[in-house]
């Protein structure tokens, strides 16, 4: 099997003057950097729209693309905007509040011009994607009419979809336009990356948000009460990292109902993901084996119970319908035997996080000498501190253990970890861009179960300074 190396870098973090990364010039230049560094994989975080808290893991749609990532300069080239209509922002982290209040007003100016010269492929795009796009656009139009409030607060006729919806047609058309522009730009960018020999690794959150078109549009798929409120919610129980556990609040799938439909929604979702990405990483993969259910009225995750997931029969259907798609299983955390068994049966590579390796146990699964080839190894993920930040936050006793475990007593522990990962048995190694650049905690992407200050990191294109160094590491370790 090929030995691959890649980088984790979300679209939002790319450079540019429009306040947030986009699928424009900065993205194409990043692909050029990957090609020069001989990194064959580019892993991104979910591309879906963000909502309250700015997290792509709490999105109004599991299938739609994030309008923030539409490149305004491309719209200027198309004559849909003038240069003075596309605001510029100071270099720095993302100010989501500023972007939110500006970006949709800017994109509506583009839409007003677009309506006057609609390209021929727009109608084809709408027809091809009507199975999800119509409901999504309507959902967003009604949300706008309700000051973006969650659908559970809407009037009964809108919550239960009994109202006359025709008055939202024009507002819904705007959201169809946004998706047309997003998918056009993303398809072009992915094709450019693929032509350069770079595959895109995408991220699929296992759960959807309660305030999403998926729940509003098809409540039968979820465990809800008659009034459409949640019966139970998702999360994880207390562990070493959290005394209260993690209360995510996502609704739980009605797996029995889904099974009765042949898991048709999941087949459709995975098929859509395979159009966006070359490889799909499924977040919280363990829930297919067993999942934690918390009563909806709880304020923490201390009280809950484990339930059996759909297991291997689910993946038998996915494989049969979609031809054994390339999947990475995010199998982190305290796992029951049934989870390990499911990962083994599917044959999907699991994940190894080097930051978790330093507990003094020579047989720790996360230490690079213990890796089996069929895995994807990282120093840390978007949910971890940067490796520099992690090391600097360690106590002197912990640092001593880290050095002794690594067999390394120099000053560049993060760099040594990257090196050891590259030379490990893992078939695939993915390094967050923050770690390639040796950035501190201020560049951390996310702290799980917290609001504010997350998902905001952006980078200038200083990675070019690392291209030759990375390329040599790729070549010496026999990766591509």
Protein backbone atom coordinates (compact mmCIF):
# COMPACT_ATOMS: atom_id res chain seq x y z
CA UNK A 1 0.00 0.00 0.00
CA UNK A 2 1.19 3.51 -0.80
CA UNK A 3 2.68 5.53 2.02
CA UNK A 4 0.96 8.92 2.01
CA UNK A 5 1.65 12.23 3.71
CA UNK A 6 -0.65 15.20 3.97
CA UNK A 7 -1.64 18.33 5.81
CA UNK A 8 -4.71 19.36 7.81
CA UNK A 9 -5.69 22.90 6.81
CA UNK A 10 -9.25 24.16 6.69
CA UNK A 11 -10.50 26.48 3.94
CA UNK A 12 -11.35 29.13 6.54
CA UNK A 13 -7.68 29.34 7.57
CA UNK A 14 -6.34 30.18 4.11
CA UNK A 15 -4.93 33.66 3.48
CA UNK A 16 -6.75 36.47 1.70
CA UNK A 17 -8.07 39.98 2.16
CA UNK A 18 -11.78 39.19 2.57
CA UNK A 19 -11.80 38.27 6.26
CA UNK A 20 -11.97 34.47 5.90
CA UNK A 21 -10.31 31.87 3.70
CA UNK A 22 -12.04 31.09 0.42
CA UNK A 23 -11.81 28.89 -2.65
CA UNK A 24 -9.94 31.62 -4.52
CA UNK A 25 -6.34 32.51 -5.28
CA UNK A 26 -5.10 31.58 -1.79
CA UNK A 27 -6.51 28.06 -2.13
CA UNK A 28 -4.90 27.49 -5.53
CA UNK A 29 -1.56 28.74 -4.22
CA UNK A 30 -1.89 26.38 -1.28
CA UNK A 31 -2.35 23.47 -3.71
CA UNK A 32 0.81 24.62 -5.50
CA UNK A 33 2.64 24.54 -2.16
CA UNK A 34 1.39 21.00 -1.49
CA UNK A 35 2.65 19.89 -4.89
CA UNK A 36 6.07 21.48 -4.28
CA UNK A 37 6.30 19.86 -0.85
CA UNK A 38 5.15 16.52 -2.33
CA UNK A 39 2.28 16.24 0.12
CA UNK A 40 -0.33 14.06 -1.56
CA UNK A 41 -3.25 14.67 0.80
CA UNK A 42 -5.10 17.83 1.82
CA UNK A 43 -7.47 17.26 4.72
CA UNK A 44 -10.17 19.86 5.32
CA UNK A 45 -12.77 20.18 8.06
CA UNK A 46 -16.51 20.05 7.20
CA UNK A 47 -17.39 22.41 4.34
CA UNK A 48 -20.98 22.87 5.49
CA UNK A 49 -22.38 26.24 6.65
CA UNK A 50 -21.62 27.31 10.20
CA UNK A 51 -24.19 28.52 12.68
CA UNK A 52 -24.22 29.58 16.33
CA UNK A 53 -20.75 29.05 17.78
CA UNK A 54 -19.14 29.10 14.31
CA UNK A 55 -18.61 25.33 14.38
CA UNK A 56 -18.93 23.31 11.17
CA UNK A 57 -20.08 20.43 13.40
CA UNK A 58 -23.32 22.30 14.21
CA UNK A 59 -24.61 23.19 10.76
CA UNK A 60 -28.05 24.02 9.32
CA UNK A 61 -27.31 21.46 6.62
CA UNK A 62 -25.22 18.30 6.34
CA UNK A 63 -25.08 18.66 2.55
CA UNK A 64 -24.83 22.36 1.71
CA UNK A 65 -21.59 24.30 1.25
CA UNK A 66 -20.49 27.25 3.37
CA UNK A 67 -21.27 30.54 1.55
CA UNK A 68 -18.40 32.21 3.42
CA UNK A 69 -16.00 30.16 1.28
CA UNK A 70 -17.31 31.59 -2.01
CA UNK A 71 -14.48 33.71 -3.38
CA UNK A 72 -15.63 37.29 -3.94
CA UNK A 73 -12.80 38.06 -6.34
CA UNK A 74 -14.04 35.34 -8.68
CA UNK A 75 -17.48 36.97 -8.51
CA UNK A 76 -15.84 40.28 -9.45
CA UNK A 77 -14.23 38.57 -12.47
CA UNK A 78 -17.68 37.26 -13.46
CA UNK A 79 -19.13 40.77 -13.29
CA UNK A 80 -21.39 39.94 -10.36
CA UNK A 81 -19.65 42.37 -7.99
CA UNK A 82 -17.60 45.51 -8.36
CA UNK A 83 -14.29 45.78 -6.44
CA UNK A 84 -15.64 48.43 -4.09
CA UNK A 85 -18.57 46.14 -3.14
CA UNK A 86 -16.23 43.46 -1.72
CA UNK A 87 -14.99 44.67 1.68
CA UNK A 88 -11.40 44.09 2.72
CA UNK A 89 -10.42 43.12 6.26
CA UNK A 90 -7.21 43.53 8.26
CA UNK A 91 -4.89 40.54 8.29
CA UNK A 92 -5.59 38.35 11.32
CA UNK A 93 -8.00 35.84 12.79
CA UNK A 94 -11.59 35.58 11.59
CA UNK A 95 -14.12 38.02 13.01
CA UNK A 96 -17.23 35.89 12.48
CA UNK A 97 -19.62 38.59 13.68
CA UNK A 98 -18.29 41.07 11.13
CA UNK A 99 -18.37 38.48 8.36
CA UNK A 100 -21.93 37.44 9.23
CA UNK A 101 -23.34 40.97 9.04
CA UNK A 102 -21.48 41.84 5.85
CA UNK A 103 -21.16 38.73 3.69
CA UNK A 104 -24.77 37.91 2.91
CA UNK A 105 -25.51 41.53 2.04
CA UNK A 106 -22.54 41.44 -0.34
CA UNK A 107 -23.62 38.15 -1.88
CA UNK A 108 -27.16 39.47 -2.40
CA UNK A 109 -25.70 42.21 -4.58
CA UNK A 110 -24.10 39.48 -6.67
CA UNK A 111 -27.39 37.58 -6.78
CA UNK A 112 -29.29 40.62 -8.06
CA UNK A 113 -26.92 40.82 -11.04
CA UNK A 114 -26.90 37.04 -11.48
CA UNK A 115 -30.70 37.01 -11.95
CA UNK A 116 -30.33 39.22 -15.03
CA UNK A 117 -27.94 36.90 -16.84
CA UNK A 118 -28.52 33.42 -15.42
CA UNK A 119 -26.11 30.91 -17.02
CA UNK A 120 -27.53 27.83 -18.66
CA UNK A 121 -25.98 25.38 -16.22
CA UNK A 122 -27.77 26.99 -13.24
CA UNK A 123 -31.09 25.29 -14.04
CA UNK A 124 -29.25 22.00 -14.56
CA UNK A 125 -27.55 22.39 -11.17
CA UNK A 126 -30.89 23.00 -9.47
CA UNK A 127 -32.53 20.03 -11.16
CA UNK A 128 -29.64 17.68 -10.35
CA UNK A 129 -29.61 18.73 -6.68
CA UNK A 130 -33.32 19.29 -6.08
CA UNK A 131 -33.55 16.27 -3.78
CA UNK A 132 -31.75 18.27 -1.07
CA UNK A 133 -31.44 21.81 -2.41
CA UNK A 134 -35.15 22.67 -2.48
CA UNK A 135 -35.69 21.90 1.20
CA UNK A 136 -32.43 23.55 2.23
CA UNK A 137 -33.16 26.79 0.38
CA UNK A 138 -36.68 26.93 1.77
CA UNK A 139 -35.42 26.21 5.29
CA UNK A 140 -32.90 29.07 5.10
CA UNK A 141 -35.48 31.44 3.65
CA UNK A 142 -37.88 30.76 6.53
CA UNK A 143 -35.04 31.14 9.03
CA UNK A 144 -34.26 34.56 7.56
CA UNK A 145 -37.91 35.55 7.92
CA UNK A 146 -37.66 34.55 11.59
CA UNK A 147 -34.44 36.51 12.30
CA UNK A 148 -32.43 33.26 11.98
CA UNK A 149 -34.11 31.76 15.04
CA UNK A 150 -34.06 27.98 15.44
CA UNK A 151 -36.95 26.21 13.70
CA UNK A 152 -38.28 24.90 17.04
CA UNK A 153 -39.34 28.51 17.82
CA UNK A 154 -41.34 28.96 14.60
CA UNK A 155 -45.13 28.98 14.41
CA UNK A 156 -46.72 25.54 14.24
CA UNK A 157 -47.59 25.83 10.56
CA UNK A 158 -43.93 26.36 9.71
CA UNK A 159 -42.58 23.85 12.20
CA UNK A 160 -44.92 21.17 10.82
CA UNK A 161 -44.69 22.40 7.21
CA UNK A 162 -48.40 22.98 6.72
CA UNK A 163 -48.17 26.66 5.72
CA UNK A 164 -48.22 28.04 2.17
CA UNK A 165 -44.51 28.34 1.36
CA UNK A 166 -44.77 30.03 -2.04
CA UNK A 167 -44.08 33.47 -0.59
CA UNK A 168 -40.51 32.33 0.19
CA UNK A 169 -39.68 31.47 -3.43
CA UNK A 170 -37.45 34.48 -4.17
CA UNK A 171 -35.64 34.29 -0.82
CA UNK A 172 -35.07 30.56 -1.40
CA UNK A 173 -33.68 31.27 -4.86
CA UNK A 174 -30.90 33.33 -3.28
CA UNK A 175 -29.77 30.30 -1.30
CA UNK A 176 -29.85 28.12 -4.40
CA UNK A 177 -27.60 30.69 -6.09
CA UNK A 178 -25.15 30.50 -3.17
CA UNK A 179 -24.97 26.73 -3.47
CA UNK A 180 -24.48 26.95 -7.22
CA UNK A 181 -21.51 29.30 -6.74
CA UNK A 182 -20.08 27.22 -3.89
CA UNK A 183 -20.19 23.92 -5.76
CA UNK A 184 -18.88 25.47 -8.96
CA UNK A 185 -15.87 26.96 -7.18
CA UNK A 186 -15.22 23.86 -5.09
CA UNK A 187 -15.45 21.52 -8.10
CA UNK A 188 -12.88 23.64 -9.95
CA UNK A 189 -10.53 23.73 -6.96
CA UNK A 190 -10.76 19.99 -6.35
CA UNK A 191 -10.09 19.30 -10.03
CA UNK A 192 -6.99 21.53 -9.85
CA UNK A 193 -5.74 19.63 -6.78
CA UNK A 194 -6.44 16.23 -8.33
CA UNK A 195 -4.60 17.24 -11.51
CA UNK A 196 -1.57 18.02 -9.34
CA UNK A 197 -1.78 14.55 -7.80
CA UNK A 198 -3.35 15.73 -4.53
CA UNK A 199 -6.37 13.99 -3.00
CA UNK A 200 -8.84 15.78 -0.77
CA UNK A 201 -9.71 14.22 2.59
CA UNK A 202 -13.07 15.52 3.80
CA UNK A 203 -14.69 15.39 7.20
CA UNK A 204 -18.20 14.06 7.86
CA UNK A 205 -19.73 14.73 11.30
CA UNK A 206 -21.72 11.66 12.25
CA UNK A 207 -24.53 13.69 13.80
CA UNK A 208 -26.52 16.61 12.42
CA UNK A 209 -27.62 19.68 14.36
CA UNK A 210 -31.15 19.82 15.77
CA UNK A 211 -31.58 23.22 14.09
CA UNK A 212 -31.00 21.76 10.65
CA UNK A 213 -32.97 21.10 7.51
CA UNK A 214 -32.39 17.37 8.02
CA UNK A 215 -34.40 17.32 11.25
CA UNK A 216 -37.00 19.88 10.13
CA UNK A 217 -37.47 18.27 6.74
CA UNK A 218 -37.54 14.61 7.77
CA UNK A 219 -38.24 14.26 11.50
CA UNK A 220 -39.01 10.55 11.15
CA UNK A 221 -35.27 9.93 10.87
CA UNK A 222 -34.76 11.04 14.48
CA UNK A 223 -35.93 10.19 18.00
CA UNK A 224 -38.31 13.09 18.60
CA UNK A 225 -41.45 13.67 20.62
CA UNK A 226 -44.83 14.35 18.97
CA UNK A 227 -44.20 18.10 19.26
CA UNK A 228 -40.87 17.52 17.42
CA UNK A 229 -38.77 18.26 20.51
CA UNK A 230 -35.81 15.97 21.23
CA UNK A 231 -36.35 12.84 23.31
CA UNK A 232 -32.65 12.22 23.80
CA UNK A 233 -29.42 13.87 22.69
CA UNK A 234 -25.88 12.88 21.80
CA UNK A 235 -22.66 13.31 23.74
CA UNK A 236 -20.02 11.32 25.58
CA UNK A 237 -19.84 10.39 29.28
CA UNK A 238 -17.33 11.78 31.78
CA UNK A 239 -13.74 10.74 31.18
CA UNK A 240 -10.16 11.83 31.81
CA UNK A 241 -10.69 14.97 29.73
CA UNK A 242 -14.05 16.10 31.11
CA UNK A 243 -15.55 15.47 34.55
CA UNK A 244 -19.05 16.30 33.27
CA UNK A 245 -18.69 14.54 29.94
CA UNK A 246 -19.61 16.32 26.73
CA UNK A 247 -23.23 17.29 26.07
CA UNK A 248 -23.44 17.93 22.33
CA UNK A 249 -27.21 18.25 22.09
CA UNK A 250 -27.53 16.67 18.64
CA UNK A 251 -30.66 14.58 18.09
CA UNK A 252 -30.21 10.81 17.94
CA UNK A 253 -31.01 8.91 14.76
CA UNK A 254 -33.93 6.49 14.76
CA UNK A 255 -31.76 3.65 13.51
CA UNK A 256 -34.68 1.21 13.30
CA UNK A 257 -36.57 3.55 10.98
CA UNK A 258 -33.44 4.16 8.93
CA UNK A 259 -32.88 0.42 8.64
CA UNK A 260 -36.43 0.00 7.32
CA UNK A 261 -35.57 2.40 4.47
CA UNK A 262 -32.36 0.57 3.58
CA UNK A 263 -30.39 3.45 5.12
CA UNK A 264 -31.31 5.46 2.04
CA UNK A 265 -30.49 8.83 3.64
CA UNK A 266 -27.02 7.65 4.62
CA UNK A 267 -26.35 6.25 1.16
CA UNK A 268 -27.34 9.60 -0.31
CA UNK A 269 -25.22 11.52 2.20
CA UNK A 270 -22.15 9.39 1.57
CA UNK A 271 -22.65 9.65 -2.18
CA UNK A 272 -22.72 13.44 -1.89
CA UNK A 273 -19.57 13.38 0.26
CA UNK A 274 -17.75 11.31 -2.36
CA UNK A 275 -18.48 14.02 -4.92
CA UNK A 276 -16.87 16.60 -2.65
CA UNK A 277 -13.91 14.53 -1.45
CA UNK A 278 -11.64 11.71 -2.54
CA UNK A 279 -11.53 10.20 0.96
CA UNK A 280 -14.11 10.65 3.75
CA UNK A 281 -13.17 10.82 7.44
CA UNK A 282 -16.20 9.97 9.59
CA UNK A 283 -16.11 11.84 12.89
CA UNK A 284 -17.18 9.89 16.01
CA UNK A 285 -17.18 6.65 14.03
CA UNK A 286 -17.76 4.69 17.21
CA UNK A 287 -21.46 5.59 17.16
CA UNK A 288 -21.98 3.04 14.39
CA UNK A 289 -21.00 0.38 16.97
CA UNK A 290 -22.42 1.93 20.13
CA UNK A 291 -23.54 5.43 21.02
CA UNK A 292 -24.24 7.36 24.19
CA UNK A 293 -27.79 8.60 24.77
CA UNK A 294 -28.53 11.42 27.23
CA UNK A 295 -32.02 12.55 28.34
CA UNK A 296 -32.86 15.79 26.54
CA UNK A 297 -33.52 17.69 29.77
CA UNK A 298 -30.03 17.11 31.17
CA UNK A 299 -27.53 19.97 31.53
CA UNK A 300 -24.50 17.66 31.55
CA UNK A 301 -23.58 14.22 30.23
CA UNK A 302 -23.19 12.44 33.55
CA UNK A 303 -26.46 10.52 33.16
CA UNK A 304 -26.92 8.46 30.02
CA UNK A 305 -26.75 4.97 28.56
CA UNK A 306 -25.00 3.15 25.75
CA UNK A 307 -27.06 1.79 22.86
CA UNK A 308 -26.07 -0.56 20.06
CA UNK A 309 -25.44 1.09 16.70
CA UNK A 310 -26.30 -0.36 13.28
CA UNK A 311 -22.95 -2.14 13.06
CA UNK A 312 -21.48 -3.98 10.09
CA UNK A 313 -24.80 -4.55 8.25
CA UNK A 314 -24.90 -0.77 7.75
CA UNK A 315 -21.49 -0.76 6.06
CA UNK A 316 -22.38 -3.83 4.01
CA UNK A 317 -25.09 -1.69 2.42
CA UNK A 318 -22.80 1.34 2.01
CA UNK A 319 -20.13 -0.81 0.37
CA UNK A 320 -22.60 -2.60 -1.90
CA UNK A 321 -24.28 0.62 -3.04
CA UNK A 322 -21.16 2.79 -3.36
CA UNK A 323 -18.42 0.36 -4.27
CA UNK A 324 -16.34 0.20 -1.07
CA UNK A 325 -15.70 3.92 -0.65
CA UNK A 326 -12.43 5.11 0.93
CA UNK A 327 -13.22 5.95 4.57
CA UNK A 328 -11.15 6.92 7.60
CA UNK A 329 -12.68 5.95 10.95
CA UNK A 330 -12.22 8.50 13.74
CA UNK A 331 -11.96 5.94 16.54
CA UNK A 332 -10.56 8.05 19.37
CA UNK A 333 -11.60 8.05 23.01
CA UNK A 334 -12.33 5.24 25.46
CA UNK A 335 -13.64 2.50 23.17
CA UNK A 336 -15.64 -0.61 23.95
CA UNK A 337 -14.61 -3.88 22.32
CA UNK A 338 -17.54 -3.67 19.88
CA UNK A 339 -16.08 -0.47 18.42
CA UNK A 340 -12.65 -2.00 17.89
CA UNK A 341 -14.28 -5.04 16.34
CA UNK A 342 -16.32 -2.91 13.92
CA UNK A 343 -13.26 -0.94 12.80
CA UNK A 344 -11.46 -4.23 12.23
CA UNK A 345 -14.36 -5.73 10.25
CA UNK A 346 -14.73 -2.71 7.98
CA UNK A 347 -11.02 -2.61 7.24
CA UNK A 348 -11.08 1.18 7.51
CA UNK A 349 -7.93 2.82 8.86
CA UNK A 350 -8.35 4.27 12.33
CA UNK A 351 -6.58 7.30 13.79
CA UNK A 352 -3.51 7.63 16.00
CA UNK A 353 -2.73 10.82 17.94
CA UNK A 354 0.90 11.13 19.06
CA UNK A 355 0.08 13.64 21.80
CA UNK A 356 -1.77 10.82 23.59
CA UNK A 357 1.29 8.54 23.61
CA UNK A 358 3.17 9.75 26.66
CA UNK A 359 1.75 7.94 29.68
CA UNK A 360 4.77 5.75 30.42
CA UNK A 361 3.18 2.64 28.89
CA UNK A 362 5.57 1.17 26.27
CA UNK A 363 2.60 -0.54 24.61
CA UNK A 364 0.53 2.64 24.26
CA UNK A 365 -1.34 2.36 20.93
CA UNK A 366 -0.67 6.01 20.13
CA UNK A 367 3.14 5.75 20.21
CA UNK A 368 4.63 5.53 16.75
CA UNK A 369 6.58 2.29 17.33
CA UNK A 370 3.29 0.50 18.02
CA UNK A 371 1.48 1.54 14.83
CA UNK A 372 0.21 -1.01 12.39
CA UNK A 373 0.28 0.14 8.74
CA UNK A 374 -3.50 0.51 8.34
CA UNK A 375 -3.88 3.77 10.26
CA UNK A 376 -3.73 7.55 9.84
CA UNK A 377 -1.30 9.18 12.29
CA UNK A 378 -1.39 12.78 13.50
CA UNK A 379 0.54 14.77 16.11
CA UNK A 380 -2.90 16.16 17.10
CA UNK A 381 -6.14 17.08 15.36
CA UNK A 382 -8.18 20.29 15.18
CA UNK A 383 -9.49 19.47 18.67
CA UNK A 384 -6.02 19.29 20.19
CA UNK A 385 -3.69 22.09 21.16
CA UNK A 386 -0.90 22.72 18.68
CA UNK A 387 2.02 20.43 19.41
CA UNK A 388 4.16 23.39 20.47
CA UNK A 389 1.37 24.56 22.79
CA UNK A 390 0.84 21.05 24.14
CA UNK A 391 4.53 20.62 24.95
CA UNK A 392 4.89 24.07 26.48
CA UNK A 393 1.85 23.45 28.72
CA UNK A 394 3.32 20.18 30.03
CA UNK A 395 4.83 20.06 33.50
CA UNK A 396 8.54 19.47 33.93
CA UNK A 397 7.77 15.91 35.01
CA UNK A 398 5.65 15.38 31.89
CA UNK A 399 8.34 16.90 29.67
CA UNK A 400 10.92 14.54 31.15
CA UNK A 401 8.66 11.58 30.34
CA UNK A 402 8.10 12.90 26.80
CA UNK A 403 11.88 13.15 26.21
CA UNK A 404 12.57 9.72 27.66
CA UNK A 405 9.78 8.12 25.64
CA UNK A 406 10.98 9.74 22.43
CA UNK A 407 14.61 9.05 23.16
CA UNK A 408 15.22 12.65 22.21
CA UNK A 409 16.69 15.38 24.42
CA UNK A 410 16.95 18.29 22.00
CA UNK A 411 14.98 21.53 21.92
CA UNK A 412 12.56 20.73 19.09
CA UNK A 413 10.19 18.10 20.48
CA UNK A 414 7.34 19.03 18.07
CA UNK A 415 9.68 18.70 15.11
CA UNK A 416 10.96 15.35 16.41
CA UNK A 417 7.38 14.07 16.74
CA UNK A 418 6.66 15.00 13.12
CA UNK A 419 9.84 13.27 12.00
CA UNK A 420 9.03 10.08 13.92
CA UNK A 421 5.51 10.03 12.50
CA UNK A 422 6.86 10.27 8.96
CA UNK A 423 9.19 7.32 9.54
CA UNK A 424 6.56 5.26 11.38
CA UNK A 425 4.77 2.21 9.95
CA UNK A 426 1.55 4.20 9.48
CA UNK A 427 0.50 4.17 5.83
CA UNK A 428 -0.80 7.73 6.15
CA UNK A 429 0.51 10.68 8.14
CA UNK A 430 -1.36 14.00 8.35
CA UNK A 431 0.19 17.05 10.02
CA UNK A 432 -1.84 20.14 10.96
CA UNK A 433 -0.40 23.19 9.24
CA UNK A 434 0.05 24.82 12.65
CA UNK A 435 2.48 22.03 13.56
CA UNK A 436 4.44 22.28 10.32
CA UNK A 437 4.83 25.98 11.17
CA UNK A 438 5.63 25.27 14.87
CA UNK A 439 2.93 27.65 16.08
CA UNK A 440 1.90 28.12 19.74
CA UNK A 441 -1.48 27.69 21.45
CA UNK A 442 -2.77 30.95 19.95
CA UNK A 443 -3.08 29.08 16.65
CA UNK A 444 -5.24 26.31 18.11
CA UNK A 445 -8.34 25.62 16.01
CA UNK A 446 -10.85 24.37 18.58
CA UNK A 447 -11.35 23.55 22.25
CA UNK A 448 -14.18 20.98 22.38
CA UNK A 449 -17.39 21.88 24.25
CA UNK A 450 -16.51 25.57 24.46
CA UNK A 451 -18.02 28.61 22.76
CA UNK A 452 -16.09 31.64 21.55
CA UNK A 453 -12.60 31.97 20.15
CA UNK A 454 -12.73 28.74 18.13
CA UNK A 455 -12.41 28.13 14.37
CA UNK A 456 -10.83 31.57 13.90
CA UNK A 457 -7.16 30.85 13.12
CA UNK A 458 -5.81 32.03 9.79
CA UNK A 459 -2.37 31.85 8.23
CA UNK A 460 -0.34 33.96 5.89
CA UNK A 461 1.44 31.92 3.16
CA UNK A 462 4.61 31.47 5.20
CA UNK A 463 4.42 27.74 4.47
CA UNK A 464 6.45 28.31 1.32
CA UNK A 465 9.49 28.65 3.59
CA UNK A 466 8.89 25.05 4.71
CA UNK A 467 8.29 23.46 1.30
CA UNK A 468 11.83 22.19 0.68
CA UNK A 469 12.20 20.89 4.23
CA UNK A 470 8.90 19.03 4.04
CA UNK A 471 9.68 17.63 0.59
CA UNK A 472 12.97 16.16 1.85
CA UNK A 473 11.14 14.56 4.77
CA UNK A 474 8.54 13.10 2.43
CA UNK A 475 11.20 11.68 0.12
CA UNK A 476 13.44 10.27 2.88
CA UNK A 477 10.49 8.53 4.57
CA UNK A 478 9.29 6.97 1.30
CA UNK A 479 5.99 8.82 1.24
CA UNK A 480 4.14 10.82 -1.38
